[in-house]
PDB file of N, CA and C in Angstrom:
ATOM      1  N   UNK A   1       0.525  -4.493 -13.193  1.00  0.00           N
ATOM      2  CA  UNK A   1       1.160  -3.169 -13.172  1.00  0.00           C
ATOM      3  C   UNK A   1       2.330  -2.998 -11.990  1.00  0.00           C
ATOM      4  N   UNK A   2       2.142  -3.223 -10.686  1.00  0.00           N
ATOM      5  CA  UNK A   2       3.080  -2.985 -10.394  1.00  0.00           C
ATOM      6  C   UNK A   2       3.991  -4.609 -10.267  1.00  0.00           C
ATOM      7  N   UNK A   3       3.551  -5.456 -10.927  1.00  0.00           N
ATOM      8  CA  UNK A   3       4.793  -6.822 -11.403  1.00  0.00           C
ATOM      9  C   UNK A   3       5.815  -6.454 -12.024  1.00  0.00           C
ATOM     10  N   UNK A   4       5.081  -5.055 -13.381  1.00  0.00           N
ATOM     11  CA  UNK A   4       5.841  -4.435 -13.784  1.00  0.00           C
ATOM     12  C   UNK A   4       7.161  -3.670 -14.055  1.00  0.00           C
ATOM     13  N   UNK A   5       6.535  -2.454 -12.931  1.00  0.00           N
ATOM     14  CA  UNK A   5       7.270  -1.952 -11.811  1.00  0.00           C
ATOM     15  C   UNK A   5       8.238  -2.244 -11.371  1.00  0.00           C
ATOM     16  N   UNK A   6       8.249  -3.996 -10.839  1.00  0.00           N
ATOM     17  CA  UNK A   6       9.411  -4.015  -9.951  1.00  0.00           C
ATOM     18  C   UNK A   6      10.162  -5.197 -10.562  1.00  0.00           C
ATOM     19  N   UNK A   7       9.659  -5.439 -11.739  1.00  0.00           N
ATOM     20  CA  UNK A   7      10.913  -6.367 -12.056  1.00  0.00           C
ATOM     21  C   UNK A   7      12.247  -5.718 -12.067  1.00  0.00           C
ATOM     22  N   UNK A   8      13.328  -7.019 -11.903  1.00  0.00           N
ATOM     23  CA  UNK A   8      14.642  -6.512 -11.990  1.00  0.00           C
ATOM     24  C   UNK A   8      14.707  -5.443 -11.236  1.00  0.00           C
ATOM     25  N   UNK A   9      14.020  -5.322 -10.086  1.00  0.00           N
ATOM     26  CA  UNK A   9      14.308  -5.335  -8.536  1.00  0.00           C
ATOM     27  C   UNK A   9      14.201  -5.323  -7.480  1.00  0.00           C
ATOM     28  N   UNK A  10      13.430  -6.222  -7.283  1.00  0.00           N
ATOM     29  CA  UNK A  10      12.781  -6.789  -5.846  1.00  0.00           C
ATOM     30  C   UNK A  10      11.705  -7.901  -6.621  1.00  0.00           C
ATOM     31  N   UNK A  11      10.741  -7.997  -5.560  1.00  0.00           N
ATOM     32  CA  UNK A  11       9.258  -8.680  -6.316  1.00  0.00           C
ATOM     33  C   UNK A  11       8.233  -7.780  -4.893  1.00  0.00           C
ATOM     34  N   UNK A  12       7.091  -8.538  -5.017  1.00  0.00           N
ATOM     35  CA  UNK A  12       5.619  -8.017  -4.345  1.00  0.00           C
ATOM     36  C   UNK A  12       5.797  -9.107  -3.782  1.00  0.00           C
ATOM     37  N   UNK A  13       5.224  -8.354  -1.810  1.00  0.00           N
ATOM     38  CA  UNK A  13       5.903  -9.842  -0.647  1.00  0.00           C
ATOM     39  C   UNK A  13       4.715  -9.884  -0.046  1.00  0.00           C
ATOM     40  N   UNK A  14       3.786  -8.586  -0.577  1.00  0.00           N
ATOM     41  CA  UNK A  14       2.444  -9.131   0.406  1.00  0.00           C
ATOM     42  C   UNK A  14       1.743  -7.527  -0.382  1.00  0.00           C
ATOM     43  N   UNK A  15       0.218  -7.625  -0.027  1.00  0.00           N
ATOM     44  CA  UNK A  15      -0.503  -6.919  -0.658  1.00  0.00           C
ATOM     45  C   UNK A  15      -1.469  -5.610   0.072  1.00  0.00           C
ATOM     46  N   UNK A  16      -1.731  -4.800  -0.077  1.00  0.00           N
ATOM     47  CA  UNK A  16      -3.121  -4.166   0.888  1.00  0.00           C
ATOM     48  C   UNK A  16      -3.576  -3.752   0.114  1.00  0.00           C
ATOM     49  N   UNK A  17      -4.792  -3.961  -0.302  1.00  0.00           N
ATOM     50  CA  UNK A  17      -5.734  -3.514  -1.020  1.00  0.00           C
ATOM     51  C   UNK A  17      -7.301  -3.518  -0.130  1.00  0.00           C
ATOM     52  N   UNK A  18      -8.047  -2.810  -0.409  1.00  0.00           N
ATOM     53  CA  UNK A  18      -9.610  -1.895   0.532  1.00  0.00           C
ATOM     54  C   UNK A  18     -10.782  -3.005  -0.766  1.00  0.00           C
ATOM     55  N   UNK A  19     -10.855  -3.759  -1.077  1.00  0.00           N
ATOM     56  CA  UNK A  19     -11.684  -4.147  -2.546  1.00  0.00           C
ATOM     57  C   UNK A  19     -13.350  -3.811  -1.927  1.00  0.00           C
ATOM     58  N   UNK A  20     -14.311  -2.963  -2.523  1.00  0.00           N
ATOM     59  CA  UNK A  20     -14.994  -2.143  -2.165  1.00  0.00           C
ATOM     60  C   UNK A  20     -15.496  -1.214  -0.896  1.00  0.00           C
ATOM     61  N   UNK A  21     -13.669  -0.909  -1.087  1.00  0.00           N
ATOM     62  CA  UNK A  21     -13.857   0.291  -0.087  1.00  0.00           C
ATOM     63  C   UNK A  21     -13.716   1.444  -1.115  1.00  0.00           C
ATOM     64  N   UNK A  22     -13.979   2.767  -0.818  1.00  0.00           N
ATOM     65  CA  UNK A  22     -14.186   4.533  -1.211  1.00  0.00           C
ATOM     66  C   UNK A  22     -12.709   4.645  -0.398  1.00  0.00           C
ATOM     67  N   UNK A  23     -11.215   5.044  -1.699  1.00  0.00           N
ATOM     68  CA  UNK A  23     -11.108   5.777  -0.955  1.00  0.00           C
ATOM     69  C   UNK A  23     -10.948   7.018  -0.781  1.00  0.00           C
ATOM     70  N   UNK A  24     -12.524   6.972  -1.165  1.00  0.00           N
ATOM     71  CA  UNK A  24     -12.240   8.798  -0.018  1.00  0.00           C
ATOM     72  C   UNK A  24     -11.914   8.501   1.290  1.00  0.00           C
ATOM     73  N   UNK A  25     -12.347   7.150   1.971  1.00  0.00           N
ATOM     74  CA  UNK A  25     -12.150   7.014   3.140  1.00  0.00           C
ATOM     75  C   UNK A  25     -10.860   7.366   3.920  1.00  0.00           C
ATOM     76  N   UNK A  26     -10.699   7.681   5.134  1.00  0.00           N
ATOM     77  CA  UNK A  26      -9.551   7.718   5.759  1.00  0.00           C
ATOM     78  C   UNK A  26      -8.436   6.806   6.044  1.00  0.00           C
ATOM     79  N   UNK A  27      -7.659   6.668   5.851  1.00  0.00           N
ATOM     80  CA  UNK A  27      -6.309   5.463   5.698  1.00  0.00           C
ATOM     81  C   UNK A  27      -7.114   4.599   7.115  1.00  0.00           C
ATOM     82  N   UNK A  28      -7.168   5.268   8.196  1.00  0.00           N
ATOM     83  CA  UNK A  28      -7.744   3.731   9.489  1.00  0.00           C
ATOM     84  C   UNK A  28      -9.095   3.295   9.467  1.00  0.00           C
ATOM     85  N   UNK A  29      -9.791   4.056   8.767  1.00  0.00           N
ATOM     86  CA  UNK A  29     -11.158   3.766   8.475  1.00  0.00           C
ATOM     87  C   UNK A  29     -11.130   2.182   7.266  1.00  0.00           C
ATOM     88  N   UNK A  30     -10.245   2.038   6.714  1.00  0.00           N
ATOM     89  CA  UNK A  30     -10.035   1.055   5.520  1.00  0.00           C
ATOM     90  C   UNK A  30      -8.993   0.376   6.246  1.00  0.00           C
ATOM     91  N   UNK A  31      -9.723  -1.583   6.670  1.00  0.00           N
ATOM     92  CA  UNK A  31      -8.447  -2.057   7.246  1.00  0.00           C
ATOM     93  C   UNK A  31      -7.364  -2.330   6.041  1.00  0.00           C
ATOM     94  N   UNK A  32      -6.858  -2.839   5.031  1.00  0.00           N
ATOM     95  CA  UNK A  32      -5.771  -3.185   4.708  1.00  0.00           C
ATOM     96  C   UNK A  32      -5.470  -1.682   4.300  1.00  0.00           C
ATOM     97  N   UNK A  33      -5.632   0.110   4.599  1.00  0.00           N
ATOM     98  CA  UNK A  33      -5.125   0.427   4.411  1.00  0.00           C
ATOM     99  C   UNK A  33      -4.044   1.200   5.944  1.00  0.00           C
ATOM    100  N   UNK A  34      -4.904   0.414   6.725  1.00  0.00           N
ATOM    101  CA  UNK A  34      -4.416   1.044   8.022  1.00  0.00           C
ATOM    102  C   UNK A  34      -3.530   0.086   8.585  1.00  0.00           C
ATOM    103  N   UNK A  35      -3.994  -1.590   7.906  1.00  0.00           N
ATOM    104  CA  UNK A  35      -3.044  -2.095   7.938  1.00  0.00           C
ATOM    105  C   UNK A  35      -1.225  -2.048   7.126  1.00  0.00           C
ATOM    106  N   UNK A  36      -1.655  -0.997   6.321  1.00  0.00           N
ATOM    107  CA  UNK A  36       0.262  -0.783   5.729  1.00  0.00           C
ATOM    108  C   UNK A  36       0.495   0.046   6.431  1.00  0.00           C
ATOM    109  N   UNK A  37      -0.350   1.036   7.860  1.00  0.00           N
ATOM    110  CA  UNK A  37       0.379   2.296   8.157  1.00  0.00           C
ATOM    111  C   UNK A  37       0.373   1.384   9.391  1.00  0.00           C
ATOM    112  N   UNK A  38      -0.116   0.402   9.665  1.00  0.00           N
ATOM    113  CA  UNK A  38       0.270  -0.482  11.074  1.00  0.00           C
ATOM    114  C   UNK A  38       2.090  -0.984  11.285  1.00  0.00           C
ATOM    115  N   UNK A  39       2.314  -1.856   9.512  1.00  0.00           N
ATOM    116  CA  UNK A  39       2.875  -2.354   9.029  1.00  0.00           C
ATOM    117  C   UNK A  39       4.487  -1.087   8.683  1.00  0.00           C
ATOM    118  N   UNK A  40       3.644  -0.461   7.817  1.00  0.00           N
ATOM    119  CA  UNK A  40       5.024   0.262   7.626  1.00  0.00           C
ATOM    120  C   UNK A  40       5.769   0.944   9.225  1.00  0.00           C
ATOM    121  N   UNK A  41       4.759   0.646   9.791  1.00  0.00           N
ATOM    122  CA  UNK A  41       6.118   1.159  11.601  1.00  0.00           C
ATOM    123  C   UNK A  41       6.983   0.178  11.439  1.00  0.00           C
ATOM    124  N   UNK A  42       6.751  -0.813  11.694  1.00  0.00           N
ATOM    125  CA  UNK A  42       7.172  -1.884  12.177  1.00  0.00           C
ATOM    126  C   UNK A  42       8.851  -1.723  11.604  1.00  0.00           C
ATOM    127  N   UNK A  43       9.303  -1.934  12.816  1.00  0.00           N
ATOM    128  CA  UNK A  43      10.673  -2.126  12.299  1.00  0.00           C
ATOM    129  C   UNK A  43      11.200  -3.776  11.164  1.00  0.00           C
ATOM    130  N   UNK A  44      10.487  -4.840  11.765  1.00  0.00           N
ATOM    131  CA  UNK A  44      10.854  -5.711  10.546  1.00  0.00           C
ATOM    132  C   UNK A  44       9.639  -5.710  10.180  1.00  0.00           C
ATOM    133  N   UNK A  45       9.040  -5.192   9.095  1.00  0.00           N
ATOM    134  CA  UNK A  45       8.597  -5.062   8.276  1.00  0.00           C
ATOM    135  C   UNK A  45       8.767  -6.626   7.898  1.00  0.00           C
ATOM    136  N   UNK A  46       8.336  -6.509   6.302  1.00  0.00           N
ATOM    137  CA  UNK A  46       8.419  -7.664   5.401  1.00  0.00           C
ATOM    138  C   UNK A  46       8.493  -6.724   4.421  1.00  0.00           C
ATOM    139  N   UNK A  47       8.469  -5.120   4.286  1.00  0.00           N
ATOM    140  CA  UNK A  47       9.220  -4.956   2.478  1.00  0.00           C
ATOM    141  C   UNK A  47       9.750  -3.445   2.870  1.00  0.00           C
ATOM    142  N   UNK A  48      10.463  -3.097   2.062  1.00  0.00           N
ATOM    143  CA  UNK A  48      11.354  -2.394   2.504  1.00  0.00           C
ATOM    144  C   UNK A  48      11.117  -0.764   0.988  1.00  0.00           C
ATOM    145  N   UNK A  49       9.685  -1.129   0.027  1.00  0.00           N
ATOM    146  CA  UNK A  49       9.493  -0.198  -0.423  1.00  0.00           C
ATOM    147  C   UNK A  49       7.408  -0.241  -0.354  1.00  0.00           C
ATOM    148  N   UNK A  50       6.906   0.688  -1.255  1.00  0.00           N
ATOM    149  CA  UNK A  50       5.416   0.482  -1.187  1.00  0.00           C
ATOM    150  C   UNK A  50       5.126   0.975  -2.321  1.00  0.00           C
ATOM    151  N   UNK A  51       4.382   0.144  -3.809  1.00  0.00           N
ATOM    152  CA  UNK A  51       4.212   0.757  -4.913  1.00  0.00           C
ATOM    153  C   UNK A  51       2.661   1.371  -4.554  1.00  0.00           C
ATOM    154  N   UNK A  52       2.519   1.997  -5.011  1.00  0.00           N
ATOM    155  CA  UNK A  52       0.831   2.632  -4.828  1.00  0.00           C
ATOM    156  C   UNK A  52       0.466   3.027  -6.399  1.00  0.00           C
ATOM    157  N   UNK A  53      -1.158   2.443  -6.333  1.00  0.00           N
ATOM    158  CA  UNK A  53      -1.595   2.924  -8.021  1.00  0.00           C
ATOM    159  C   UNK A  53      -2.055   3.721  -7.866  1.00  0.00           C
ATOM    160  N   UNK A  54      -2.397   4.229  -7.804  1.00  0.00           N
ATOM    161  CA  UNK A  54      -3.464   6.017  -7.469  1.00  0.00           C
ATOM    162  C   UNK A  54      -2.699   6.281  -6.323  1.00  0.00           C
ATOM    163  N   UNK A  55      -1.443   7.712  -7.559  1.00  0.00           N
ATOM    164  CA  UNK A  55      -0.905   8.763  -6.376  1.00  0.00           C
ATOM    165  C   UNK A  55      -1.651   9.542  -5.679  1.00  0.00           C
ATOM    166  N   UNK A  56      -2.223  10.297  -7.154  1.00  0.00           N
ATOM    167  CA  UNK A  56      -2.844  11.279  -6.454  1.00  0.00           C
ATOM    168  C   UNK A  56      -4.033  11.678  -5.740  1.00  0.00           C
ATOM    169  N   UNK A  57      -5.169  10.020  -5.741  1.00  0.00           N
ATOM    170  CA  UNK A  57      -6.131   9.025  -5.049  1.00  0.00           C
ATOM    171  C   UNK A  57      -4.877   8.953  -2.895  1.00  0.00           C
ATOM    172  N   UNK A  58      -4.456   8.418  -3.183  1.00  0.00           N
ATOM    173  CA  UNK A  58      -2.742   8.297  -1.647  1.00  0.00           C
ATOM    174  C   UNK A  58      -2.372   9.606  -1.098  1.00  0.00           C
ATOM    175  N   UNK A  59      -2.581  10.610  -2.282  1.00  0.00           N
ATOM    176  CA  UNK A  59      -1.935  11.751  -0.976  1.00  0.00           C
ATOM    177  C   UNK A  59      -2.280  13.037  -1.652  1.00  0.00           C
ATOM    178  N   UNK A  60      -3.937  13.425  -1.142  1.00  0.00           N
ATOM    179  CA  UNK A  60      -4.547  14.564  -1.406  1.00  0.00           C
ATOM    180  C   UNK A  60      -4.078  15.501  -1.272  1.00  0.00           C
ATOM    181  N   UNK A  61      -4.557  16.459  -2.012  1.00  0.00           N
ATOM    182  CA  UNK A  61      -3.639  17.963  -1.468  1.00  0.00           C
ATOM    183  C   UNK A  61      -4.842  18.311  -0.244  1.00  0.00           C
TER     184      UNK A  61
END
């Protein structure tokens, strides 16, 4: 799905996915999610956009 979303606009250069970890856990308690947060703070990161697969879980109310 991500590949289709970015087609014609860019490319996927890095993947942050916590396989086998509940998304109910804090972002800081999941290795890939915390790596994404750390990378997002880096001015020299290798990406300029983020594709979120299930936004309702990524940004709970």
